[in-house]
Amino acid sequence: MKKIDKAEPKFFKKFIQKNRPVNWEGTNDIRADLRKYILESEQNFQCAYCESAISPDSSYSHIDHFKRKHFYPELTFDHNNLLVSCNNTDHCALHKDSQVKSKDIYNNIINPVFEEPTMFFEYYTNGKLHSKNAKAKFTEEIFNLNHPALKQQRNNVAWAVIGYRETLELEEVIEEIHEFESFIRYIW
């Protein structure tokens, strides 16, 4: 999980002001444009939670309401509450949504828009994410960030980073691998 710097796009702000929508029905075009904008401009084509690569044309991702619409309807169109997540049911947003049963739980989850997630986690080269405190541990569990598939992917990235160390600079490695940016920065 990495820090997400949000910048609401003018097209979305204009759409909200003009249409004053109450739900996402009939907003497929704006939703697709917003998803693409968030992926490209804010998340560098990576899942907001696990940082795995997401294709801009992928149907394997969705706009996630960090704080679910069910609990926070007033945040349905709040740009700071909208992140793009992979569609994996074993981890990330879909896993979070299956775990969160009340709105007070959100106080115990790291919000990558308002908090610096890298201050809460450490990584091992075997791909394991280590939580530094109770809030980090709870976040890890809610998003299942130590799912075996994610650990294996990060482990593979660690070996790639080791191979690139002799020939590339850090930013070049991040660009070349194009996923798990926080993990790469940590192990570099």
N, C-alpha and C. Protein backbone atom coordinates (compact mmCIF):
# COMPACT_ATOMS: atom_id res chain seq x y z
N MET A 1 0.85 -1.18 0.00
CA MET A 1 0.00 0.00 0.00
C MET A 1 0.89 1.23 0.00
N LYS A 2 0.54 2.18 -0.87
CA LYS A 2 1.32 3.41 -0.93
C LYS A 2 0.42 4.63 -0.81
N LYS A 3 1.01 5.75 -0.54
CA LYS A 3 0.28 7.01 -0.43
C LYS A 3 -0.29 7.38 -1.79
N ILE A 4 -1.56 7.77 -1.81
CA ILE A 4 -2.23 8.20 -3.03
C ILE A 4 -2.49 9.70 -2.92
N ASP A 5 -1.90 10.45 -3.83
CA ASP A 5 -2.13 11.89 -3.88
C ASP A 5 -3.29 12.15 -4.83
N LYS A 6 -4.36 12.70 -4.29
CA LYS A 6 -5.59 12.90 -5.06
C LYS A 6 -5.64 14.32 -5.64
N ALA A 7 -6.19 14.42 -6.84
CA ALA A 7 -6.43 15.70 -7.50
C ALA A 7 -7.68 15.52 -8.35
N GLU A 8 -8.79 16.01 -7.83
CA GLU A 8 -10.07 15.80 -8.51
C GLU A 8 -10.04 16.40 -9.92
N PRO A 9 -10.37 15.58 -10.93
CA PRO A 9 -10.35 16.09 -12.30
C PRO A 9 -11.52 17.04 -12.56
N LYS A 10 -11.29 18.03 -13.40
CA LYS A 10 -12.32 19.03 -13.70
C LYS A 10 -13.57 18.39 -14.29
N PHE A 11 -13.39 17.37 -15.17
CA PHE A 11 -14.56 16.76 -15.80
C PHE A 11 -15.48 16.10 -14.77
N PHE A 12 -14.90 15.54 -13.72
CA PHE A 12 -15.71 14.88 -12.70
C PHE A 12 -16.40 15.92 -11.82
N LYS A 13 -15.66 16.94 -11.44
CA LYS A 13 -16.22 18.01 -10.62
C LYS A 13 -17.38 18.68 -11.36
N LYS A 14 -17.19 18.94 -12.64
CA LYS A 14 -18.23 19.57 -13.46
C LYS A 14 -19.46 18.66 -13.56
N PHE A 15 -19.23 17.38 -13.77
CA PHE A 15 -20.33 16.41 -13.85
C PHE A 15 -21.14 16.41 -12.55
N ILE A 16 -20.47 16.39 -11.43
CA ILE A 16 -21.15 16.35 -10.12
C ILE A 16 -21.96 17.63 -9.91
N GLN A 17 -21.35 18.78 -10.21
CA GLN A 17 -22.05 20.05 -10.02
C GLN A 17 -23.27 20.16 -10.93
N LYS A 18 -23.13 19.71 -12.16
CA LYS A 18 -24.22 19.82 -13.14
C LYS A 18 -25.34 18.82 -12.87
N ASN A 19 -25.01 17.59 -12.57
CA ASN A 19 -26.01 16.52 -12.47
C ASN A 19 -26.49 16.19 -11.07
N ARG A 20 -25.70 16.52 -10.07
CA ARG A 20 -26.04 16.22 -8.67
C ARG A 20 -26.56 14.79 -8.51
N PRO A 21 -25.78 13.80 -8.93
CA PRO A 21 -26.25 12.41 -8.85
C PRO A 21 -26.34 11.94 -7.41
N VAL A 22 -27.23 10.99 -7.16
CA VAL A 22 -27.37 10.42 -5.83
C VAL A 22 -26.85 8.99 -5.78
N ASN A 23 -26.68 8.38 -6.98
CA ASN A 23 -26.09 7.06 -7.06
C ASN A 23 -25.38 6.94 -8.42
N TRP A 24 -24.78 5.79 -8.67
CA TRP A 24 -23.97 5.60 -9.88
C TRP A 24 -24.78 5.13 -11.08
N GLU A 25 -26.08 4.96 -10.93
CA GLU A 25 -26.91 4.52 -12.06
C GLU A 25 -26.83 5.53 -13.20
N GLY A 26 -26.61 5.02 -14.41
CA GLY A 26 -26.56 5.88 -15.59
C GLY A 26 -25.29 6.70 -15.73
N THR A 27 -24.26 6.34 -14.97
CA THR A 27 -23.01 7.11 -15.03
C THR A 27 -21.86 6.29 -15.62
N ASN A 28 -22.17 5.30 -16.44
CA ASN A 28 -21.12 4.40 -16.95
C ASN A 28 -19.99 5.14 -17.65
N ASP A 29 -20.32 6.14 -18.49
CA ASP A 29 -19.28 6.86 -19.23
C ASP A 29 -18.36 7.64 -18.28
N ILE A 30 -18.96 8.38 -17.37
CA ILE A 30 -18.15 9.19 -16.45
C ILE A 30 -17.37 8.27 -15.51
N ARG A 31 -17.96 7.16 -15.14
CA ARG A 31 -17.28 6.21 -14.25
C ARG A 31 -16.06 5.61 -14.95
N ALA A 32 -16.20 5.26 -16.22
CA ALA A 32 -15.07 4.71 -16.97
C ALA A 32 -13.96 5.75 -17.12
N ASP A 33 -14.33 6.98 -17.41
CA ASP A 33 -13.33 8.06 -17.54
C ASP A 33 -12.64 8.32 -16.21
N LEU A 34 -13.41 8.30 -15.13
CA LEU A 34 -12.85 8.53 -13.80
C LEU A 34 -11.90 7.41 -13.41
N ARG A 35 -12.30 6.17 -13.66
CA ARG A 35 -11.44 5.03 -13.36
C ARG A 35 -10.11 5.16 -14.08
N LYS A 36 -10.17 5.50 -15.36
CA LYS A 36 -8.95 5.66 -16.16
C LYS A 36 -8.09 6.81 -15.61
N TYR A 37 -8.73 7.92 -15.26
CA TYR A 37 -8.00 9.07 -14.71
C TYR A 37 -7.29 8.69 -13.40
N ILE A 38 -8.02 8.06 -12.49
CA ILE A 38 -7.43 7.69 -11.20
C ILE A 38 -6.26 6.74 -11.40
N LEU A 39 -6.46 5.74 -12.25
CA LEU A 39 -5.38 4.78 -12.50
C LEU A 39 -4.14 5.47 -13.06
N GLU A 40 -4.34 6.32 -14.05
CA GLU A 40 -3.20 6.95 -14.74
C GLU A 40 -2.58 8.08 -13.93
N SER A 41 -3.39 8.98 -13.44
CA SER A 41 -2.88 10.22 -12.83
C SER A 41 -2.56 10.13 -11.35
N GLU A 42 -3.20 9.20 -10.65
CA GLU A 42 -3.01 9.14 -9.21
C GLU A 42 -2.35 7.85 -8.71
N GLN A 43 -2.54 6.76 -9.41
CA GLN A 43 -2.08 5.47 -8.89
C GLN A 43 -1.03 4.78 -9.77
N ASN A 44 -0.59 5.42 -10.81
CA ASN A 44 0.46 4.86 -11.68
C ASN A 44 0.12 3.43 -12.13
N PHE A 45 -1.15 3.22 -12.48
CA PHE A 45 -1.64 1.93 -12.98
C PHE A 45 -1.40 0.78 -12.00
N GLN A 46 -1.52 1.08 -10.70
CA GLN A 46 -1.36 0.06 -9.66
C GLN A 46 -2.57 0.07 -8.74
N CYS A 47 -2.92 -1.09 -8.24
CA CYS A 47 -3.99 -1.21 -7.26
C CYS A 47 -3.65 -0.34 -6.04
N ALA A 48 -4.63 0.37 -5.55
CA ALA A 48 -4.40 1.26 -4.41
C ALA A 48 -3.98 0.52 -3.15
N TYR A 49 -4.30 -0.76 -3.07
CA TYR A 49 -4.05 -1.50 -1.84
C TYR A 49 -2.86 -2.46 -1.93
N CYS A 50 -2.84 -3.31 -2.93
CA CYS A 50 -1.74 -4.29 -3.02
C CYS A 50 -0.63 -3.82 -3.95
N GLU A 51 -0.89 -2.81 -4.76
CA GLU A 51 0.07 -2.24 -5.71
C GLU A 51 0.39 -3.16 -6.89
N SER A 52 -0.45 -4.16 -7.15
CA SER A 52 -0.23 -4.97 -8.34
C SER A 52 -0.62 -4.13 -9.56
N ALA A 53 -0.04 -4.46 -10.70
CA ALA A 53 -0.28 -3.71 -11.94
C ALA A 53 -1.72 -3.90 -12.39
N ILE A 54 -2.31 -2.80 -12.87
CA ILE A 54 -3.65 -2.83 -13.44
C ILE A 54 -3.58 -2.18 -14.82
N SER A 55 -4.00 -2.90 -15.82
CA SER A 55 -4.03 -2.39 -17.19
C SER A 55 -5.08 -1.28 -17.30
N PRO A 56 -4.80 -0.24 -18.08
CA PRO A 56 -5.78 0.84 -18.23
C PRO A 56 -7.06 0.36 -18.92
N ASP A 57 -6.98 -0.68 -19.70
CA ASP A 57 -8.15 -1.20 -20.40
C ASP A 57 -8.74 -2.40 -19.68
N SER A 58 -8.27 -2.67 -18.52
CA SER A 58 -8.63 -3.90 -17.80
C SER A 58 -10.05 -3.86 -17.26
N SER A 59 -10.70 -4.98 -17.35
CA SER A 59 -11.99 -5.13 -16.67
C SER A 59 -11.75 -5.82 -15.32
N TYR A 60 -10.49 -5.94 -14.94
CA TYR A 60 -10.12 -6.59 -13.69
C TYR A 60 -9.93 -5.60 -12.55
N SER A 61 -10.52 -4.44 -12.68
CA SER A 61 -10.44 -3.44 -11.61
C SER A 61 -11.76 -2.67 -11.53
N HIS A 62 -11.91 -1.95 -10.47
CA HIS A 62 -13.11 -1.15 -10.28
C HIS A 62 -12.79 0.05 -9.39
N ILE A 63 -13.70 1.02 -9.41
CA ILE A 63 -13.58 2.14 -8.47
C ILE A 63 -14.12 1.65 -7.13
N ASP A 64 -13.27 1.75 -6.14
CA ASP A 64 -13.64 1.34 -4.79
C ASP A 64 -13.96 2.57 -3.95
N HIS A 65 -15.02 2.48 -3.19
CA HIS A 65 -15.30 3.49 -2.18
C HIS A 65 -14.55 3.03 -0.93
N PHE A 66 -13.48 3.75 -0.59
CA PHE A 66 -12.71 3.34 0.58
C PHE A 66 -13.66 3.15 1.76
N LYS A 67 -14.46 4.16 2.01
CA LYS A 67 -15.54 4.03 3.00
C LYS A 67 -16.79 3.70 2.20
N ARG A 68 -17.32 2.53 2.44
CA ARG A 68 -18.43 2.00 1.64
C ARG A 68 -19.65 2.93 1.60
N LYS A 69 -20.27 2.98 0.44
CA LYS A 69 -21.48 3.78 0.24
C LYS A 69 -22.57 3.38 1.23
N HIS A 70 -22.62 2.11 1.55
CA HIS A 70 -23.63 1.59 2.47
C HIS A 70 -23.58 2.32 3.82
N PHE A 71 -22.36 2.59 4.30
CA PHE A 71 -22.18 3.25 5.59
C PHE A 71 -22.05 4.77 5.46
N TYR A 72 -21.53 5.24 4.34
CA TYR A 72 -21.26 6.66 4.15
C TYR A 72 -21.82 7.13 2.80
N PRO A 73 -23.14 7.20 2.65
CA PRO A 73 -23.72 7.61 1.36
C PRO A 73 -23.29 9.02 0.94
N GLU A 74 -22.99 9.87 1.91
CA GLU A 74 -22.56 11.24 1.60
C GLU A 74 -21.19 11.27 0.93
N LEU A 75 -20.43 10.17 0.97
CA LEU A 75 -19.11 10.12 0.34
C LEU A 75 -19.12 9.39 -1.01
N THR A 76 -20.32 9.08 -1.51
CA THR A 76 -20.43 8.33 -2.76
C THR A 76 -19.66 8.98 -3.90
N PHE A 77 -19.70 10.29 -4.00
CA PHE A 77 -19.02 10.99 -5.09
C PHE A 77 -17.88 11.87 -4.59
N ASP A 78 -17.43 11.64 -3.38
CA ASP A 78 -16.28 12.38 -2.84
C ASP A 78 -15.00 11.79 -3.46
N HIS A 79 -14.31 12.59 -4.23
CA HIS A 79 -13.14 12.09 -4.95
C HIS A 79 -12.09 11.49 -4.02
N ASN A 80 -11.95 12.03 -2.83
CA ASN A 80 -10.97 11.50 -1.87
C ASN A 80 -11.34 10.12 -1.35
N ASN A 81 -12.57 9.70 -1.58
CA ASN A 81 -13.03 8.38 -1.13
C ASN A 81 -12.98 7.35 -2.26
N LEU A 82 -12.56 7.77 -3.45
CA LEU A 82 -12.59 6.90 -4.62
C LEU A 82 -11.19 6.46 -5.01
N LEU A 83 -10.96 5.16 -4.98
CA LEU A 83 -9.67 4.58 -5.36
C LEU A 83 -9.94 3.44 -6.34
N VAL A 84 -8.94 3.08 -7.12
CA VAL A 84 -9.11 1.95 -8.02
C VAL A 84 -8.41 0.75 -7.41
N SER A 85 -9.15 -0.35 -7.38
CA SER A 85 -8.64 -1.59 -6.80
C SER A 85 -8.73 -2.71 -7.82
N CYS A 86 -7.85 -3.68 -7.66
CA CYS A 86 -7.98 -4.90 -8.46
C CYS A 86 -9.25 -5.62 -8.03
N ASN A 87 -9.71 -6.55 -8.82
CA ASN A 87 -10.95 -7.27 -8.52
C ASN A 87 -10.71 -8.62 -7.85
N ASN A 88 -9.57 -8.81 -7.26
CA ASN A 88 -9.29 -10.08 -6.62
C ASN A 88 -10.15 -10.23 -5.37
N THR A 89 -10.89 -11.32 -5.28
CA THR A 89 -11.77 -11.53 -4.12
C THR A 89 -11.02 -12.00 -2.88
N ASP A 90 -9.76 -12.44 -3.06
CA ASP A 90 -8.98 -12.92 -1.93
C ASP A 90 -8.24 -11.82 -1.17
N HIS A 91 -8.14 -10.66 -1.78
CA HIS A 91 -7.46 -9.53 -1.14
C HIS A 91 -7.93 -8.21 -1.74
N CYS A 92 -7.53 -7.14 -1.14
CA CYS A 92 -7.83 -5.76 -1.57
C CYS A 92 -9.28 -5.37 -1.29
N ALA A 93 -9.87 -4.53 -2.16
CA ALA A 93 -11.17 -3.91 -1.86
C ALA A 93 -12.30 -4.90 -1.70
N LEU A 94 -12.38 -5.90 -2.57
CA LEU A 94 -13.48 -6.86 -2.45
C LEU A 94 -13.37 -7.66 -1.15
N HIS A 95 -12.15 -7.95 -0.75
CA HIS A 95 -11.94 -8.62 0.54
C HIS A 95 -12.32 -7.68 1.68
N LYS A 96 -11.90 -6.43 1.60
CA LYS A 96 -12.24 -5.43 2.62
C LYS A 96 -13.75 -5.34 2.79
N ASP A 97 -14.45 -5.21 1.67
CA ASP A 97 -15.90 -5.05 1.74
C ASP A 97 -16.60 -6.25 2.36
N SER A 98 -16.02 -7.42 2.22
CA SER A 98 -16.61 -8.60 2.84
C SER A 98 -16.31 -8.67 4.34
N GLN A 99 -15.32 -7.92 4.79
CA GLN A 99 -14.90 -7.95 6.20
C GLN A 99 -15.53 -6.84 7.05
N VAL A 100 -15.76 -5.68 6.45
CA VAL A 100 -16.23 -4.52 7.20
C VAL A 100 -17.73 -4.64 7.45
N LYS A 101 -18.09 -4.72 8.72
CA LYS A 101 -19.49 -4.90 9.10
C LYS A 101 -20.09 -3.68 9.79
N SER A 102 -19.27 -2.68 10.11
CA SER A 102 -19.78 -1.46 10.73
C SER A 102 -18.88 -0.29 10.38
N LYS A 103 -19.44 0.89 10.42
CA LYS A 103 -18.70 2.07 9.97
C LYS A 103 -17.58 2.48 10.92
N ASP A 104 -17.65 2.13 12.19
CA ASP A 104 -16.61 2.52 13.13
C ASP A 104 -15.27 1.81 12.87
N ILE A 105 -15.30 0.75 12.09
CA ILE A 105 -14.08 0.01 11.77
C ILE A 105 -13.09 0.85 10.96
N TYR A 106 -13.61 1.80 10.18
CA TYR A 106 -12.73 2.59 9.30
C TYR A 106 -11.68 3.40 10.07
N ASN A 107 -11.94 3.70 11.32
CA ASN A 107 -10.95 4.42 12.13
C ASN A 107 -9.70 3.57 12.38
N ASN A 108 -9.83 2.26 12.21
CA ASN A 108 -8.73 1.34 12.46
C ASN A 108 -8.01 0.88 11.20
N ILE A 109 -8.41 1.45 10.06
CA ILE A 109 -7.82 1.08 8.76
C ILE A 109 -7.01 2.25 8.23
N ILE A 110 -5.81 1.97 7.75
CA ILE A 110 -4.97 3.00 7.15
C ILE A 110 -5.63 3.47 5.86
N ASN A 111 -5.82 4.77 5.75
CA ASN A 111 -6.39 5.36 4.54
C ASN A 111 -5.24 5.93 3.72
N PRO A 112 -4.94 5.34 2.55
CA PRO A 112 -3.77 5.77 1.78
C PRO A 112 -3.89 7.17 1.17
N VAL A 113 -5.06 7.78 1.28
CA VAL A 113 -5.22 9.15 0.80
C VAL A 113 -4.77 10.14 1.88
N PHE A 114 -5.04 9.83 3.12
CA PHE A 114 -4.77 10.76 4.21
C PHE A 114 -3.60 10.34 5.12
N GLU A 115 -3.12 9.13 4.96
CA GLU A 115 -2.01 8.64 5.77
C GLU A 115 -0.91 8.09 4.88
N GLU A 116 0.30 8.06 5.39
CA GLU A 116 1.45 7.52 4.66
C GLU A 116 1.61 6.06 5.04
N PRO A 117 1.10 5.15 4.21
CA PRO A 117 1.16 3.72 4.56
C PRO A 117 2.56 3.18 4.80
N THR A 118 3.55 3.73 4.14
CA THR A 118 4.91 3.21 4.31
C THR A 118 5.43 3.43 5.73
N MET A 119 4.80 4.28 6.50
CA MET A 119 5.20 4.48 7.89
C MET A 119 4.68 3.36 8.79
N PHE A 120 3.78 2.55 8.27
CA PHE A 120 3.14 1.50 9.06
C PHE A 120 3.65 0.10 8.74
N PHE A 121 4.36 -0.05 7.61
CA PHE A 121 4.75 -1.38 7.16
C PHE A 121 6.24 -1.49 6.87
N GLU A 122 6.75 -2.69 7.02
CA GLU A 122 8.08 -3.07 6.57
C GLU A 122 7.90 -4.28 5.65
N TYR A 123 8.91 -4.55 4.85
CA TYR A 123 8.83 -5.69 3.95
C TYR A 123 10.05 -6.58 4.12
N TYR A 124 9.86 -7.84 3.85
CA TYR A 124 10.98 -8.78 3.78
C TYR A 124 11.15 -9.19 2.33
N THR A 125 12.37 -9.53 1.95
CA THR A 125 12.62 -9.89 0.55
C THR A 125 11.89 -11.16 0.14
N ASN A 126 11.40 -11.95 1.11
CA ASN A 126 10.61 -13.12 0.75
C ASN A 126 9.18 -12.74 0.36
N GLY A 127 8.88 -11.43 0.39
CA GLY A 127 7.57 -10.92 -0.02
C GLY A 127 6.60 -10.68 1.10
N LYS A 128 6.96 -11.02 2.33
CA LYS A 128 6.07 -10.83 3.47
C LYS A 128 6.03 -9.37 3.87
N LEU A 129 4.84 -8.91 4.15
CA LEU A 129 4.62 -7.57 4.67
C LEU A 129 4.57 -7.69 6.18
N HIS A 130 5.30 -6.81 6.87
CA HIS A 130 5.32 -6.82 8.34
C HIS A 130 4.66 -5.55 8.84
N SER A 131 3.68 -5.70 9.71
CA SER A 131 2.95 -4.57 10.28
C SER A 131 3.66 -4.07 11.52
N LYS A 132 3.85 -2.76 11.60
CA LYS A 132 4.58 -2.15 12.72
C LYS A 132 3.74 -1.91 13.96
N ASN A 133 2.41 -1.85 13.81
CA ASN A 133 1.57 -1.58 14.97
C ASN A 133 0.18 -2.20 14.76
N ALA A 134 -0.71 -1.99 15.70
CA ALA A 134 -2.04 -2.62 15.66
C ALA A 134 -2.87 -2.12 14.47
N LYS A 135 -2.79 -0.84 14.16
CA LYS A 135 -3.54 -0.32 13.02
C LYS A 135 -3.04 -0.94 11.72
N ALA A 136 -1.74 -1.07 11.59
CA ALA A 136 -1.17 -1.71 10.40
C ALA A 136 -1.60 -3.17 10.32
N LYS A 137 -1.57 -3.87 11.43
CA LYS A 137 -1.96 -5.28 11.45
C LYS A 137 -3.43 -5.43 11.04
N PHE A 138 -4.27 -4.56 11.56
CA PHE A 138 -5.68 -4.61 11.22
C PHE A 138 -5.88 -4.33 9.72
N THR A 139 -5.17 -3.35 9.19
CA THR A 139 -5.24 -3.02 7.77
C THR A 139 -4.77 -4.20 6.92
N GLU A 140 -3.67 -4.79 7.33
CA GLU A 140 -3.14 -5.98 6.64
C GLU A 140 -4.20 -7.08 6.56
N GLU A 141 -4.90 -7.30 7.67
CA GLU A 141 -5.91 -8.35 7.71
C GLU A 141 -7.16 -7.98 6.91
N ILE A 142 -7.61 -6.74 7.01
CA ILE A 142 -8.81 -6.30 6.29
C ILE A 142 -8.61 -6.44 4.77
N PHE A 143 -7.42 -6.09 4.29
CA PHE A 143 -7.13 -6.18 2.85
C PHE A 143 -6.44 -7.50 2.48
N ASN A 144 -6.11 -8.32 3.47
CA ASN A 144 -5.40 -9.59 3.27
C ASN A 144 -4.12 -9.38 2.46
N LEU A 145 -3.31 -8.43 2.89
CA LEU A 145 -2.11 -8.03 2.15
C LEU A 145 -0.96 -9.04 2.24
N ASN A 146 -1.12 -10.06 3.07
CA ASN A 146 -0.13 -11.13 3.10
C ASN A 146 -0.69 -12.42 2.49
N HIS A 147 -1.62 -12.27 1.60
CA HIS A 147 -2.15 -13.42 0.87
C HIS A 147 -0.98 -14.12 0.18
N PRO A 148 -0.96 -15.45 0.18
CA PRO A 148 0.17 -16.17 -0.42
C PRO A 148 0.53 -15.73 -1.85
N ALA A 149 -0.46 -15.43 -2.66
CA ALA A 149 -0.17 -15.00 -4.04
C ALA A 149 0.55 -13.66 -4.06
N LEU A 150 0.15 -12.74 -3.18
CA LEU A 150 0.83 -11.44 -3.11
C LEU A 150 2.26 -11.59 -2.59
N LYS A 151 2.44 -12.43 -1.58
CA LYS A 151 3.80 -12.67 -1.07
C LYS A 151 4.69 -13.25 -2.16
N GLN A 152 4.15 -14.17 -2.94
CA GLN A 152 4.94 -14.78 -4.02
C GLN A 152 5.28 -13.75 -5.10
N GLN A 153 4.31 -12.91 -5.44
CA GLN A 153 4.57 -11.86 -6.44
C GLN A 153 5.65 -10.90 -5.95
N ARG A 154 5.56 -10.49 -4.69
CA ARG A 154 6.58 -9.59 -4.15
C ARG A 154 7.94 -10.27 -4.08
N ASN A 155 7.97 -11.56 -3.74
CA ASN A 155 9.22 -12.30 -3.72
C ASN A 155 9.84 -12.32 -5.12
N ASN A 156 9.04 -12.55 -6.14
CA ASN A 156 9.54 -12.52 -7.51
C ASN A 156 10.09 -11.15 -7.88
N VAL A 157 9.42 -10.11 -7.42
CA VAL A 157 9.89 -8.75 -7.67
C VAL A 157 11.22 -8.51 -6.97
N ALA A 158 11.37 -9.03 -5.77
CA ALA A 158 12.63 -8.86 -5.04
C ALA A 158 13.79 -9.43 -5.84
N TRP A 159 13.60 -10.60 -6.43
CA TRP A 159 14.66 -11.20 -7.23
C TRP A 159 14.94 -10.36 -8.48
N ALA A 160 13.89 -9.79 -9.08
CA ALA A 160 14.09 -8.93 -10.25
C ALA A 160 14.87 -7.68 -9.86
N VAL A 161 14.54 -7.09 -8.72
CA VAL A 161 15.24 -5.89 -8.25
C VAL A 161 16.72 -6.20 -8.04
N ILE A 162 17.01 -7.33 -7.44
CA ILE A 162 18.42 -7.73 -7.23
C ILE A 162 19.14 -7.81 -8.57
N GLY A 163 18.47 -8.36 -9.56
CA GLY A 163 19.08 -8.48 -10.89
C GLY A 163 19.31 -7.13 -11.57
N TYR A 164 18.45 -6.16 -11.30
CA TYR A 164 18.57 -4.84 -11.93
C TYR A 164 19.53 -3.90 -11.21
N ARG A 165 19.90 -4.19 -9.98
CA ARG A 165 20.71 -3.28 -9.17
C ARG A 165 22.01 -2.84 -9.85
N GLU A 166 22.61 -3.72 -10.59
CA GLU A 166 23.89 -3.42 -11.23
C GLU A 166 23.76 -2.51 -12.44
N THR A 167 22.58 -2.50 -13.06
CA THR A 167 22.45 -1.81 -14.34
C THR A 167 21.48 -0.64 -14.36
N LEU A 168 20.56 -0.57 -13.39
CA LEU A 168 19.53 0.48 -13.41
C LEU A 168 19.50 1.26 -12.11
N GLU A 169 18.99 2.47 -12.19
CA GLU A 169 18.72 3.30 -11.01
C GLU A 169 17.35 2.93 -10.46
N LEU A 170 17.08 3.33 -9.23
CA LEU A 170 15.83 2.98 -8.56
C LEU A 170 14.60 3.34 -9.40
N GLU A 171 14.51 4.56 -9.89
CA GLU A 171 13.34 4.99 -10.65
C GLU A 171 13.19 4.18 -11.94
N GLU A 172 14.29 3.78 -12.52
CA GLU A 172 14.23 2.94 -13.73
C GLU A 172 13.70 1.55 -13.39
N VAL A 173 14.09 1.04 -12.24
CA VAL A 173 13.60 -0.28 -11.80
C VAL A 173 12.09 -0.21 -11.56
N ILE A 174 11.65 0.84 -10.90
CA ILE A 174 10.21 1.01 -10.64
C ILE A 174 9.44 1.06 -11.95
N GLU A 175 9.97 1.81 -12.91
CA GLU A 175 9.33 1.92 -14.23
C GLU A 175 9.35 0.58 -14.96
N GLU A 176 10.43 -0.13 -14.87
CA GLU A 176 10.56 -1.41 -15.56
C GLU A 176 9.62 -2.48 -14.99
N ILE A 177 9.55 -2.57 -13.67
CA ILE A 177 8.72 -3.59 -13.02
C ILE A 177 7.26 -3.17 -13.01
N HIS A 178 7.00 -1.93 -12.76
CA HIS A 178 5.70 -1.27 -12.85
C HIS A 178 4.62 -1.85 -11.91
N GLU A 179 5.03 -2.35 -10.78
CA GLU A 179 4.10 -2.73 -9.72
C GLU A 179 4.88 -2.86 -8.41
N PHE A 180 4.14 -2.87 -7.32
CA PHE A 180 4.73 -3.01 -5.98
C PHE A 180 5.79 -1.94 -5.69
N GLU A 181 5.46 -0.71 -6.02
CA GLU A 181 6.41 0.40 -5.88
C GLU A 181 6.91 0.57 -4.45
N SER A 182 6.04 0.52 -3.46
CA SER A 182 6.47 0.68 -2.07
C SER A 182 7.44 -0.43 -1.66
N PHE A 183 7.14 -1.63 -2.08
CA PHE A 183 8.01 -2.78 -1.79
C PHE A 183 9.38 -2.57 -2.41
N ILE A 184 9.41 -2.15 -3.67
CA ILE A 184 10.69 -1.92 -4.37
C ILE A 184 11.50 -0.84 -3.65
N ARG A 185 10.86 0.26 -3.31
CA ARG A 185 11.56 1.36 -2.61
C ARG A 185 12.10 0.87 -1.28
N TYR A 186 11.33 0.05 -0.58
CA TYR A 186 11.76 -0.42 0.73
C TYR A 186 12.97 -1.34 0.62
N ILE A 187 12.95 -2.29 -0.30
CA ILE A 187 14.06 -3.24 -0.37
C ILE A 187 15.26 -2.69 -1.11
N TRP A 188 15.11 -1.60 -1.85
CA TRP A 188 16.22 -1.01 -2.60
C TRP A 188 17.29 -0.56 -1.62
